[in-house]
Amino acid sequence: MADLSGNKRTKTRYVSENLGQKEIHGLTAYGMRWTITPLEGVGPYGIPETTTELWKSKEFDLDLLKVTSGPRYGLKRVELSDLQRGDPDPELFEAPQGYKVETIEYRQVTCGQK
């Protein structure tokens, strides 16, 4: 892993853990945790230990919760909320007032055709 200057490589230990399953906002999620630990001196451009925990929905292939912690980031939490199943409101797909929808027809031309 390169340091911030991009000139050196730092030896690190990378550990991943399976956290199993749990329910988040009514969805079944599976979790993983990754911990990256530097094995050499951290120094001014080094990488401090960082842990990321990710909970993902298999049904929707979406990240439901991601928590990253470490001295560089503090605690960063990103969570999907207010997910609603079902068809979206058809009004979302209508052109705004004053816009005209036009249909353009194309014909296929094969190579070498004149």
PDB file of N, CA and C in Angstrom:
ATOM      1  N   MET A   1       0.854  -1.175   0.000  1.00  0.00           N
ATOM      2  CA  MET A   1       0.000   0.000   0.000  1.00  0.00           C
ATOM      3  C   MET A   1       0.896   1.233   0.000  1.00  0.00           C
ATOM      4  N   ALA A   2       0.619   2.171  -0.880  1.00  0.00           N
ATOM      5  CA  ALA A   2       1.447   3.369  -0.993  1.00  0.00           C
ATOM      6  C   ALA A   2       1.080   4.381   0.077  1.00  0.00           C
ATOM      7  N   ASP A   3       2.077   5.166   0.499  1.00  0.00           N
ATOM      8  CA  ASP A   3       1.776   6.251   1.439  1.00  0.00           C
ATOM      9  C   ASP A   3       1.230   7.428   0.637  1.00  0.00           C
ATOM     10  N   LEU A   4       0.895   8.512   1.299  1.00  0.00           N
ATOM     11  CA  LEU A   4       0.265   9.642   0.619  1.00  0.00           C
ATOM     12  C   LEU A   4       1.170  10.271  -0.429  1.00  0.00           C
ATOM     13  N   SER A   5       2.481  10.181  -0.265  1.00  0.00           N
ATOM     14  CA  SER A   5       3.384  10.765  -1.251  1.00  0.00           C
ATOM     15  C   SER A   5       3.473   9.885  -2.488  1.00  0.00           C
ATOM     16  N   GLY A   6       3.022   8.616  -2.378  1.00  0.00           N
ATOM     17  CA  GLY A   6       3.040   7.701  -3.508  1.00  0.00           C
ATOM     18  C   GLY A   6       4.409   7.122  -3.806  1.00  0.00           C
ATOM     19  N   ASN A   7       5.422   7.398  -2.958  1.00  0.00           N
ATOM     20  CA  ASN A   7       6.782   6.955  -3.258  1.00  0.00           C
ATOM     21  C   ASN A   7       7.155   5.628  -2.603  1.00  0.00           C
ATOM     22  N   LYS A   8       6.545   5.271  -1.500  1.00  0.00           N
ATOM     23  CA  LYS A   8       6.969   4.100  -0.754  1.00  0.00           C
ATOM     24  C   LYS A   8       5.815   3.128  -0.579  1.00  0.00           C
ATOM     25  N   ARG A   9       6.160   1.905  -0.312  1.00  0.00           N
ATOM     26  CA  ARG A   9       5.156   0.896   0.009  1.00  0.00           C
ATOM     27  C   ARG A   9       5.287   0.574   1.491  1.00  0.00           C
ATOM     28  N   THR A  10       4.140   0.430   2.139  1.00  0.00           N
ATOM     29  CA  THR A  10       4.122   0.144   3.567  1.00  0.00           C
ATOM     30  C   THR A  10       3.601  -1.272   3.759  1.00  0.00           C
ATOM     31  N   LYS A  11       4.313  -2.072   4.540  1.00  0.00           N
ATOM     32  CA  LYS A  11       3.834  -3.419   4.843  1.00  0.00           C
ATOM     33  C   LYS A  11       2.636  -3.301   5.767  1.00  0.00           C
ATOM     34  N   THR A  12       1.567  -3.992   5.400  1.00  0.00           N
ATOM     35  CA  THR A  12       0.345  -3.942   6.195  1.00  0.00           C
ATOM     36  C   THR A  12      -0.207  -5.341   6.405  1.00  0.00           C
ATOM     37  N   ARG A  13      -1.029  -5.465   7.450  1.00  0.00           N
ATOM     38  CA  ARG A  13      -1.775  -6.702   7.692  1.00  0.00           C
ATOM     39  C   ARG A  13      -3.220  -6.406   7.346  1.00  0.00           C
ATOM     40  N   TYR A  14      -3.820  -7.269   6.540  1.00  0.00           N
ATOM     41  CA  TYR A  14      -5.188  -7.089   6.075  1.00  0.00           C
ATOM     42  C   TYR A  14      -5.998  -8.267   6.600  1.00  0.00           C
ATOM     43  N   VAL A  15      -7.003  -7.995   7.432  1.00  0.00           N
ATOM     44  CA  VAL A  15      -7.815  -9.057   8.028  1.00  0.00           C
ATOM     45  C   VAL A  15      -9.270  -8.833   7.643  1.00  0.00           C
ATOM     46  N   SER A  16      -9.919  -9.877   7.138  1.00  0.00           N
ATOM     47  CA  SER A  16     -11.352  -9.775   6.838  1.00  0.00           C
ATOM     48  C   SER A  16     -12.103 -10.782   7.705  1.00  0.00           C
ATOM     49  N   GLU A  17     -13.288 -10.361   8.154  1.00  0.00           N
ATOM     50  CA  GLU A  17     -14.118 -11.213   9.012  1.00  0.00           C
ATOM     51  C   GLU A  17     -15.530 -11.255   8.464  1.00  0.00           C
ATOM     52  N   ASN A  18     -16.123 -12.440   8.463  1.00  0.00           N
ATOM     53  CA  ASN A  18     -17.516 -12.588   8.101  1.00  0.00           C
ATOM     54  C   ASN A  18     -18.348 -12.329   9.353  1.00  0.00           C
ATOM     55  N   LEU A  19     -19.270 -11.372   9.294  1.00  0.00           N
ATOM     56  CA  LEU A  19     -20.086 -11.015  10.446  1.00  0.00           C
ATOM     57  C   LEU A  19     -21.445 -11.702  10.440  1.00  0.00           C
ATOM     58  N   GLY A  20     -21.704 -12.531   9.457  1.00  0.00           N
ATOM     59  CA  GLY A  20     -22.975 -13.249   9.401  1.00  0.00           C
ATOM     60  C   GLY A  20     -24.087 -12.380   8.845  1.00  0.00           C
ATOM     61  N   GLN A  21     -25.307 -12.658   9.319  1.00  0.00           N
ATOM     62  CA  GLN A  21     -26.471 -11.928   8.827  1.00  0.00           C
ATOM     63  C   GLN A  21     -27.186 -11.228   9.967  1.00  0.00           C
ATOM     64  N   LYS A  22     -27.878 -10.135   9.622  1.00  0.00           N
ATOM     65  CA  LYS A  22     -28.776  -9.476  10.559  1.00  0.00           C
ATOM     66  C   LYS A  22     -29.797  -8.690   9.750  1.00  0.00           C
ATOM     67  N   GLU A  23     -30.842  -8.250  10.413  1.00  0.00           N
ATOM     68  CA  GLU A  23     -31.878  -7.488   9.738  1.00  0.00           C
ATOM     69  C   GLU A  23     -31.623  -5.996   9.926  1.00  0.00           C
ATOM     70  N   ILE A  24     -31.672  -5.251   8.824  1.00  0.00           N
ATOM     71  CA  ILE A  24     -31.512  -3.790   8.855  1.00  0.00           C
ATOM     72  C   ILE A  24     -32.686  -3.210   8.079  1.00  0.00           C
ATOM     73  N   HIS A  25     -33.503  -2.409   8.730  1.00  0.00           N
ATOM     74  CA  HIS A  25     -34.668  -1.767   8.114  1.00  0.00           C
ATOM     75  C   HIS A  25     -35.560  -2.777   7.401  1.00  0.00           C
ATOM     76  N   GLY A  26     -35.744  -3.954   8.004  1.00  0.00           N
ATOM     77  CA  GLY A  26     -36.625  -4.965   7.435  1.00  0.00           C
ATOM     78  C   GLY A  26     -36.015  -5.795   6.324  1.00  0.00           C
ATOM     79  N   LEU A  27     -34.733  -5.604   6.030  1.00  0.00           N
ATOM     80  CA  LEU A  27     -34.054  -6.365   4.989  1.00  0.00           C
ATOM     81  C   LEU A  27     -32.979  -7.249   5.606  1.00  0.00           C
ATOM     82  N   THR A  28     -32.814  -8.433   5.069  1.00  0.00           N
ATOM     83  CA  THR A  28     -31.741  -9.304   5.519  1.00  0.00           C
ATOM     84  C   THR A  28     -30.437  -8.817   4.910  1.00  0.00           C
ATOM     85  N   ALA A  29     -29.453  -8.611   5.764  1.00  0.00           N
ATOM     86  CA  ALA A  29     -28.151  -8.115   5.311  1.00  0.00           C
ATOM     87  C   ALA A  29     -27.067  -9.079   5.767  1.00  0.00           C
ATOM     88  N   TYR A  30     -26.004  -9.181   4.976  1.00  0.00           N
ATOM     89  CA  TYR A  30     -24.828  -9.936   5.392  1.00  0.00           C
ATOM     90  C   TYR A  30     -23.695  -8.951   5.587  1.00  0.00           C
ATOM     91  N   GLY A  31     -22.853  -9.245   6.582  1.00  0.00           N
ATOM     92  CA  GLY A  31     -21.825  -8.280   6.948  1.00  0.00           C
ATOM     93  C   GLY A  31     -20.412  -8.811   6.834  1.00  0.00           C
ATOM     94  N   MET A  32     -19.505  -7.886   6.550  1.00  0.00           N
ATOM     95  CA  MET A  32     -18.067  -8.161   6.515  1.00  0.00           C
ATOM     96  C   MET A  32     -17.355  -7.015   7.220  1.00  0.00           C
ATOM     97  N   ARG A  33     -16.230  -7.331   7.843  1.00  0.00           N
ATOM     98  CA  ARG A  33     -15.392  -6.306   8.477  1.00  0.00           C
ATOM     99  C   ARG A  33     -13.972  -6.490   7.959  1.00  0.00           C
ATOM    100  N   TRP A  34     -13.362  -5.382   7.552  1.00  0.00           N
ATOM    101  CA  TRP A  34     -11.980  -5.389   7.089  1.00  0.00           C
ATOM    102  C   TRP A  34     -11.158  -4.476   8.000  1.00  0.00           C
ATOM    103  N   THR A  35     -10.028  -4.981   8.450  1.00  0.00           N
ATOM    104  CA  THR A  35      -9.120  -4.179   9.267  1.00  0.00           C
ATOM    105  C   THR A  35      -7.761  -4.159   8.582  1.00  0.00           C
ATOM    106  N   ILE A  36      -7.259  -2.955   8.362  1.00  0.00           N
ATOM    107  CA  ILE A  36      -5.940  -2.777   7.747  1.00  0.00           C
ATOM    108  C   ILE A  36      -5.035  -2.173   8.810  1.00  0.00           C
ATOM    109  N   THR A  37      -3.949  -2.875   9.132  1.00  0.00           N
ATOM    110  CA  THR A  37      -3.023  -2.441  10.176  1.00  0.00           C
ATOM    111  C   THR A  37      -1.624  -2.298   9.592  1.00  0.00           C
ATOM    112  N   PRO A  38      -0.988  -1.127   9.743  1.00  0.00           N
ATOM    113  CA  PRO A  38       0.391  -0.986   9.259  1.00  0.00           C
ATOM    114  C   PRO A  38       1.334  -1.807  10.135  1.00  0.00           C
ATOM    115  N   LEU A  39       2.309  -2.445   9.505  1.00  0.00           N
ATOM    116  CA  LEU A  39       3.274  -3.249  10.244  1.00  0.00           C
ATOM    117  C   LEU A  39       4.605  -2.524  10.407  1.00  0.00           C
ATOM    118  N   GLU A  40       4.702  -1.329   9.816  1.00  0.00           N
ATOM    119  CA  GLU A  40       5.913  -0.520   9.931  1.00  0.00           C
ATOM    120  C   GLU A  40       5.542   0.790  10.604  1.00  0.00           C
ATOM    121  N   GLY A  41       6.533   1.614  10.899  1.00  0.00           N
ATOM    122  CA  GLY A  41       6.280   2.907  11.522  1.00  0.00           C
ATOM    123  C   GLY A  41       5.293   3.724  10.704  1.00  0.00           C
ATOM    124  N   VAL A  42       4.375   4.343  11.366  1.00  0.00           N
ATOM    125  CA  VAL A  42       3.339   5.098  10.682  1.00  0.00           C
ATOM    126  C   VAL A  42       3.910   6.380  10.102  1.00  0.00           C
ATOM    127  N   GLY A  43       4.615   7.180  10.865  1.00  0.00           N
ATOM    128  CA  GLY A  43       5.227   8.403  10.360  1.00  0.00           C
ATOM    129  C   GLY A  43       4.197   9.429   9.913  1.00  0.00           C
ATOM    130  N   PRO A  44       4.671  10.564   9.391  1.00  0.00           N
ATOM    131  CA  PRO A  44       3.739  11.636   9.024  1.00  0.00           C
ATOM    132  C   PRO A  44       2.859  11.296   7.827  1.00  0.00           C
ATOM    133  N   TYR A  45       3.324  10.415   6.943  1.00  0.00           N
ATOM    134  CA  TYR A  45       2.539  10.058   5.760  1.00  0.00           C
ATOM    135  C   TYR A  45       2.028   8.630   5.826  1.00  0.00           C
ATOM    136  N   GLY A  46       2.168   8.004   6.945  1.00  0.00           N
ATOM    137  CA  GLY A  46       1.784   6.609   7.082  1.00  0.00           C
ATOM    138  C   GLY A  46       0.283   6.421   7.159  1.00  0.00           C
ATOM    139  N   ILE A  47      -0.096   5.186   7.185  1.00  0.00           N
ATOM    140  CA  ILE A  47      -1.503   4.836   7.208  1.00  0.00           C
ATOM    141  C   ILE A  47      -1.828   4.241   8.577  1.00  0.00           C
ATOM    142  N   PRO A  48      -2.652   4.902   9.383  1.00  0.00           N
ATOM    143  CA  PRO A  48      -3.026   4.347  10.670  1.00  0.00           C
ATOM    144  C   PRO A  48      -3.999   3.182  10.481  1.00  0.00           C
ATOM    145  N   GLU A  49      -4.179   2.391  11.530  1.00  0.00           N
ATOM    146  CA  GLU A  49      -5.120   1.271  11.436  1.00  0.00           C
ATOM    147  C   GLU A  49      -6.514   1.793  11.096  1.00  0.00           C
ATOM    148  N   THR A  50      -7.149   1.130  10.151  1.00  0.00           N
ATOM    149  CA  THR A  50      -8.482   1.514   9.702  1.00  0.00           C
ATOM    150  C   THR A  50      -9.362   0.273   9.675  1.00  0.00           C
ATOM    151  N   THR A  51     -10.594   0.420  10.152  1.00  0.00           N
ATOM    152  CA  THR A  51     -11.556  -0.670  10.143  1.00  0.00           C
ATOM    153  C   THR A  51     -12.792  -0.233   9.372  1.00  0.00           C
ATOM    154  N   THR A  52     -13.254  -1.089   8.481  1.00  0.00           N
ATOM    155  CA  THR A  52     -14.485  -0.829   7.726  1.00  0.00           C
ATOM    156  C   THR A  52     -15.414  -2.016   7.917  1.00  0.00           C
ATOM    157  N   GLU A  53     -16.659  -1.709   8.279  1.00  0.00           N
ATOM    158  CA  GLU A  53     -17.695  -2.726   8.435  1.00  0.00           C
ATOM    159  C   GLU A  53     -18.769  -2.426   7.395  1.00  0.00           C
ATOM    160  N   LEU A  54     -19.142  -3.439   6.612  1.00  0.00           N
ATOM    161  CA  LEU A  54     -20.114  -3.252   5.537  1.00  0.00           C
ATOM    162  C   LEU A  54     -21.225  -4.280   5.674  1.00  0.00           C
ATOM    163  N   TRP A  55     -22.475  -3.794   5.654  1.00  0.00           N
ATOM    164  CA  TRP A  55     -23.664  -4.651   5.669  1.00  0.00           C
ATOM    165  C   TRP A  55     -24.392  -4.436   4.353  1.00  0.00           C
ATOM    166  N   LYS A  56     -24.613  -5.533   3.631  1.00  0.00           N
ATOM    167  CA  LYS A  56     -25.127  -5.446   2.269  1.00  0.00           C
ATOM    168  C   LYS A  56     -26.363  -6.331   2.114  1.00  0.00           C
ATOM    169  N   SER A  57     -27.348  -5.866   1.337  1.00  0.00           N
ATOM    170  CA  SER A  57     -28.547  -6.638   1.031  1.00  0.00           C
ATOM    171  C   SER A  57     -28.298  -7.481  -0.211  1.00  0.00           C
ATOM    172  N   LYS A  58     -28.498  -8.799  -0.096  1.00  0.00           N
ATOM    173  CA  LYS A  58     -28.374  -9.660  -1.274  1.00  0.00           C
ATOM    174  C   LYS A  58     -29.548  -9.417  -2.220  1.00  0.00           C
ATOM    175  N   GLU A  59     -30.724  -9.187  -1.651  1.00  0.00           N
ATOM    176  CA  GLU A  59     -31.932  -9.028  -2.456  1.00  0.00           C
ATOM    177  C   GLU A  59     -31.820  -7.860  -3.437  1.00  0.00           C
ATOM    178  N   PHE A  60     -31.289  -6.732  -2.976  1.00  0.00           N
ATOM    179  CA  PHE A  60     -31.203  -5.541  -3.818  1.00  0.00           C
ATOM    180  C   PHE A  60     -29.782  -5.223  -4.264  1.00  0.00           C
ATOM    181  N   ASP A  61     -28.794  -5.976  -3.786  1.00  0.00           N
ATOM    182  CA  ASP A  61     -27.383  -5.712  -4.078  1.00  0.00           C
ATOM    183  C   ASP A  61     -27.031  -4.258  -3.748  1.00  0.00           C
ATOM    184  N   LEU A  62     -27.435  -3.843  -2.542  1.00  0.00           N
ATOM    185  CA  LEU A  62     -27.190  -2.481  -2.067  1.00  0.00           C
ATOM    186  C   LEU A  62     -26.439  -2.517  -0.746  1.00  0.00           C
ATOM    187  N   ASP A  63     -25.571  -1.519  -0.550  1.00  0.00           N
ATOM    188  CA  ASP A  63     -24.941  -1.333   0.754  1.00  0.00           C
ATOM    189  C   ASP A  63     -25.971  -0.686   1.672  1.00  0.00           C
ATOM    190  N   LEU A  64     -26.337  -1.366   2.759  1.00  0.00           N
ATOM    191  CA  LEU A  64     -27.317  -0.823   3.695  1.00  0.00           C
ATOM    192  C   LEU A  64     -26.639   0.000   4.787  1.00  0.00           C
ATOM    193  N   LEU A  65     -25.438  -0.421   5.188  1.00  0.00           N
ATOM    194  CA  LEU A  65     -24.727   0.280   6.253  1.00  0.00           C
ATOM    195  C   LEU A  65     -23.229   0.088   6.052  1.00  0.00           C
ATOM    196  N   LYS A  66     -22.483   1.187   6.118  1.00  0.00           N
ATOM    197  CA  LYS A  66     -21.024   1.127   6.018  1.00  0.00           C
ATOM    198  C   LYS A  66     -20.454   2.042   7.093  1.00  0.00           C
ATOM    199  N   VAL A  67     -19.623   1.472   7.952  1.00  0.00           N
ATOM    200  CA  VAL A  67     -19.011   2.222   9.044  1.00  0.00           C
ATOM    201  C   VAL A  67     -17.500   2.089   8.910  1.00  0.00           C
ATOM    202  N   THR A  68     -16.806   3.223   8.804  1.00  0.00           N
ATOM    203  CA  THR A  68     -15.350   3.240   8.728  1.00  0.00           C
ATOM    204  C   THR A  68     -14.828   4.007   9.933  1.00  0.00           C
ATOM    205  N   SER A  69     -13.823   3.437  10.597  1.00  0.00           N
ATOM    206  CA  SER A  69     -13.249   4.126  11.757  1.00  0.00           C
ATOM    207  C   SER A  69     -11.732   4.015  11.742  1.00  0.00           C
ATOM    208  N   GLY A  70     -11.104   5.044  12.291  1.00  0.00           N
ATOM    209  CA  GLY A  70      -9.651   5.096  12.382  1.00  0.00           C
ATOM    210  C   GLY A  70      -9.248   6.524  12.667  1.00  0.00           C
ATOM    211  N   PRO A  71      -8.006   6.742  13.058  1.00  0.00           N
ATOM    212  CA  PRO A  71      -7.551   8.086  13.411  1.00  0.00           C
ATOM    213  C   PRO A  71      -7.649   9.080  12.259  1.00  0.00           C
ATOM    214  N   ARG A  72      -7.501   8.612  11.037  1.00  0.00           N
ATOM    215  CA  ARG A  72      -7.549   9.530   9.903  1.00  0.00           C
ATOM    216  C   ARG A  72      -8.975  10.004   9.621  1.00  0.00           C
ATOM    217  N   TYR A  73      -9.959   9.111   9.783  1.00  0.00           N
ATOM    218  CA  TYR A  73     -11.335   9.421   9.413  1.00  0.00           C
ATOM    219  C   TYR A  73     -12.239   9.714  10.599  1.00  0.00           C
ATOM    220  N   GLY A  74     -11.804   9.364  11.791  1.00  0.00           N
ATOM    221  CA  GLY A  74     -12.728   9.407  12.914  1.00  0.00           C
ATOM    222  C   GLY A  74     -13.731   8.284  12.703  1.00  0.00           C
ATOM    223  N   LEU A  75     -14.990   8.577  12.882  1.00  0.00           N
ATOM    224  CA  LEU A  75     -16.041   7.594  12.652  1.00  0.00           C
ATOM    225  C   LEU A  75     -16.925   8.105  11.523  1.00  0.00           C
ATOM    226  N   LYS A  76     -16.983   7.366  10.437  1.00  0.00           N
ATOM    227  CA  LYS A  76     -17.789   7.743   9.282  1.00  0.00           C
ATOM    228  C   LYS A  76     -18.854   6.666   9.097  1.00  0.00           C
ATOM    229  N   ARG A  77     -20.127   7.076   9.089  1.00  0.00           N
ATOM    230  CA  ARG A  77     -21.237   6.131   8.986  1.00  0.00           C
ATOM    231  C   ARG A  77     -22.128   6.549   7.816  1.00  0.00           C
ATOM    232  N   VAL A  78     -22.342   5.627   6.885  1.00  0.00           N
ATOM    233  CA  VAL A  78     -23.229   5.861   5.756  1.00  0.00           C
ATOM    234  C   VAL A  78     -24.296   4.771   5.806  1.00  0.00           C
ATOM    235  N   GLU A  79     -25.564   5.200   5.874  1.00  0.00           N
ATOM    236  CA  GLU A  79     -26.651   4.240   6.041  1.00  0.00           C
ATOM    237  C   GLU A  79     -27.782   4.553   5.067  1.00  0.00           C
ATOM    238  N   LEU A  80     -28.257   3.520   4.385  1.00  0.00           N
ATOM    239  CA  LEU A  80     -29.404   3.656   3.495  1.00  0.00           C
ATOM    240  C   LEU A  80     -30.667   3.588   4.352  1.00  0.00           C
ATOM    241  N   SER A  81     -31.552   4.542   4.164  1.00  0.00           N
ATOM    242  CA  SER A  81     -32.794   4.532   4.937  1.00  0.00           C
ATOM    243  C   SER A  81     -33.966   4.889   4.029  1.00  0.00           C
ATOM    244  N   ASP A  82     -35.156   4.647   4.501  1.00  0.00           N
ATOM    245  CA  ASP A  82     -36.393   4.981   3.799  1.00  0.00           C
ATOM    246  C   ASP A  82     -36.474   4.286   2.441  1.00  0.00           C
ATOM    247  N   LEU A  83     -36.039   3.024   2.386  1.00  0.00           N
ATOM    248  CA  LEU A  83     -36.157   2.237   1.160  1.00  0.00           C
ATOM    249  C   LEU A  83     -37.588   1.735   1.077  1.00  0.00           C
ATOM    250  N   GLN A  84     -38.251   2.002  -0.026  1.00  0.00           N
ATOM    251  CA  GLN A  84     -39.638   1.598  -0.201  1.00  0.00           C
ATOM    252  C   GLN A  84     -39.747   0.619  -1.348  1.00  0.00           C
ATOM    253  N   ARG A  85     -40.376  -0.512  -1.084  1.00  0.00           N
ATOM    254  CA  ARG A  85     -40.598  -1.508  -2.131  1.00  0.00           C
ATOM    255  C   ARG A  85     -41.791  -1.091  -2.973  1.00  0.00           C
ATOM    256  N   GLY A  86     -41.818  -1.532  -4.213  1.00  0.00           N
ATOM    257  CA  GLY A  86     -42.955  -1.249  -5.074  1.00  0.00           C
ATOM    258  C   GLY A  86     -42.553  -0.379  -6.242  1.00  0.00           C
ATOM    259  N   ASP A  87     -43.526  -0.127  -7.085  1.00  0.00           N
ATOM    260  CA  ASP A  87     -43.282   0.680  -8.271  1.00  0.00           C
ATOM    261  C   ASP A  87     -43.189   2.153  -7.890  1.00  0.00           C
ATOM    262  N   PRO A  88     -42.307   2.889  -8.546  1.00  0.00           N
ATOM    263  CA  PRO A  88     -42.209   4.329  -8.276  1.00  0.00           C
ATOM    264  C   PRO A  88     -43.426   5.068  -8.818  1.00  0.00           C
ATOM    265  N   ASP A  89     -43.651   6.248  -8.339  1.00  0.00           N
ATOM    266  CA  ASP A  89     -44.735   7.096  -8.802  1.00  0.00           C
ATOM    267  C   ASP A  89     -44.536   7.395 -10.288  1.00  0.00           C
ATOM    268  N   PRO A  90     -45.532   7.109 -11.140  1.00  0.00           N
ATOM    269  CA  PRO A  90     -45.388   7.359 -12.590  1.00  0.00           C
ATOM    270  C   PRO A  90     -45.088   8.818 -12.927  1.00  0.00           C
ATOM    271  N   GLU A  91     -45.478   9.747 -12.068  1.00  0.00           N
ATOM    272  CA  GLU A  91     -45.193  11.164 -12.318  1.00  0.00           C
ATOM    273  C   GLU A  91     -43.693  11.447 -12.403  1.00  0.00           C
ATOM    274  N   LEU A  92     -42.883  10.608 -11.764  1.00  0.00           N
ATOM    275  CA  LEU A  92     -41.433  10.801 -11.810  1.00  0.00           C
ATOM    276  C   LEU A  92     -40.885  10.651 -13.225  1.00  0.00           C
ATOM    277  N   PHE A  93     -41.642   9.973 -14.093  1.00  0.00           N
ATOM    278  CA  PHE A  93     -41.161   9.693 -15.446  1.00  0.00           C
ATOM    279  C   PHE A  93     -41.841  10.554 -16.498  1.00  0.00           C
ATOM    280  N   GLU A  94     -42.632  11.513 -16.074  1.00  0.00           N
ATOM    281  CA  GLU A  94     -43.288  12.416 -17.012  1.00  0.00           C
ATOM    282  C   GLU A  94     -42.394  13.625 -17.276  1.00  0.00           C
ATOM    283  N   ALA A  95     -42.458  14.121 -18.527  1.00  0.00           N
ATOM    284  CA  ALA A  95     -41.677  15.312 -18.875  1.00  0.00           C
ATOM    285  C   ALA A  95     -42.250  16.518 -18.123  1.00  0.00           C
ATOM    286  N   PRO A  96     -41.390  17.433 -17.701  1.00  0.00           N
ATOM    287  CA  PRO A  96     -41.878  18.639 -17.018  1.00  0.00           C
ATOM    288  C   PRO A  96     -42.786  19.457 -17.937  1.00  0.00           C
ATOM    289  N   GLN A  97     -43.641  20.225 -17.320  1.00  0.00           N
ATOM    290  CA  GLN A  97     -44.570  21.058 -18.075  1.00  0.00           C
ATOM    291  C   GLN A  97     -43.784  21.998 -18.996  1.00  0.00           C
ATOM    292  N   GLY A  98     -44.222  22.100 -20.249  1.00  0.00           N
ATOM    293  CA  GLY A  98     -43.546  22.968 -21.208  1.00  0.00           C
ATOM    294  C   GLY A  98     -42.560  22.224 -22.097  1.00  0.00           C
ATOM    295  N   TYR A  99     -42.221  20.976 -21.769  1.00  0.00           N
ATOM    296  CA  TYR A  99     -41.317  20.182 -22.599  1.00  0.00           C
ATOM    297  C   TYR A  99     -42.136  19.313 -23.529  1.00  0.00           C
ATOM    298  N   LYS A 100     -41.609  19.076 -24.719  1.00  0.00           N
ATOM    299  CA  LYS A 100     -42.282  18.246 -25.704  1.00  0.00           C
ATOM    300  C   LYS A 100     -41.484  16.959 -25.896  1.00  0.00           C
ATOM    301  N   VAL A 101     -42.161  15.835 -25.845  1.00  0.00           N
ATOM    302  CA  VAL A 101     -41.512  14.545 -26.060  1.00  0.00           C
ATOM    303  C   VAL A 101     -41.649  14.191 -27.534  1.00  0.00           C
ATOM    304  N   GLU A 102     -40.527  13.912 -28.184  1.00  0.00           N
ATOM    305  CA  GLU A 102     -40.537  13.560 -29.592  1.00  0.00           C
ATOM    306  C   GLU A 102     -39.987  12.155 -29.771  1.00  0.00           C
ATOM    307  N   THR A 103     -40.516  11.463 -30.752  1.00  0.00           N
ATOM    308  CA  THR A 103     -40.033  10.130 -31.079  1.00  0.00           C
ATOM    309  C   THR A 103     -39.209  10.232 -32.352  1.00  0.00           C
ATOM    310  N   ILE A 104     -38.008   9.707 -32.313  1.00  0.00           N
ATOM    311  CA  ILE A 104     -37.114   9.724 -33.472  1.00  0.00           C
ATOM    312  C   ILE A 104     -36.932   8.289 -33.932  1.00  0.00           C
ATOM    313  N   GLU A 105     -37.164   8.052 -35.198  1.00  0.00           N
ATOM    314  CA  GLU A 105     -37.003   6.703 -35.738  1.00  0.00           C
ATOM    315  C   GLU A 105     -35.679   6.619 -36.488  1.00  0.00           C
ATOM    316  N   TYR A 106     -34.977   5.536 -36.274  1.00  0.00           N
ATOM    317  CA  TYR A 106     -33.702   5.292 -36.936  1.00  0.00           C
ATOM    318  C   TYR A 106     -33.854   4.066 -37.807  1.00  0.00           C
ATOM    319  N   ARG A 107     -33.104   4.017 -38.896  1.00  0.00           N
ATOM    320  CA  ARG A 107     -33.076   2.787 -39.680  1.00  0.00           C
ATOM    321  C   ARG A 107     -31.654   2.261 -39.673  1.00  0.00           C
ATOM    322  N   GLN A 108     -31.561   0.959 -39.641  1.00  0.00           N
ATOM    323  CA  GLN A 108     -30.248   0.329 -39.565  1.00  0.00           C
ATOM    324  C   GLN A 108     -29.611   0.266 -40.938  1.00  0.00           C
ATOM    325  N   VAL A 109     -28.362   0.633 -41.026  1.00  0.00           N
ATOM    326  CA  VAL A 109     -27.618   0.590 -42.271  1.00  0.00           C
ATOM    327  C   VAL A 109     -26.474  -0.391 -42.086  1.00  0.00           C
ATOM    328  N   THR A 110     -26.366  -1.360 -42.970  1.00  0.00           N
ATOM    329  CA  THR A 110     -25.288  -2.346 -42.865  1.00  0.00           C
ATOM    330  C   THR A 110     -24.044  -1.818 -43.563  1.00  0.00           C
ATOM    331  N   CYS A 111     -22.905  -2.305 -43.190  1.00  0.00           N
ATOM    332  CA  CYS A 111     -21.649  -1.877 -43.792  1.00  0.00           C
ATOM    333  C   CYS A 111     -21.656  -2.188 -45.288  1.00  0.00           C
ATOM    334  N   GLY A 112     -21.155  -1.267 -46.068  1.00  0.00           N
ATOM    335  CA  GLY A 112     -21.075  -1.457 -47.506  1.00  0.00           C
ATOM    336  C   GLY A 112     -22.335  -1.059 -48.235  1.00  0.00           C
ATOM    337  N   GLN A 113     -23.389  -0.737 -47.516  1.00  0.00           N
ATOM    338  CA  GLN A 113     -24.642  -0.333 -48.161  1.00  0.00           C
ATOM    339  C   GLN A 113     -24.544   1.131 -48.585  1.00  0.00           C
ATOM    340  N   LYS A 114     -25.053   1.441 -49.764  1.00  0.00           N
ATOM    341  CA  LYS A 114     -24.999   2.810 -50.258  1.00  0.00           C
ATOM    342  C   LYS A 114     -26.341   3.458 -50.223  1.00  0.00           C
TER     343      LYS A 114
END
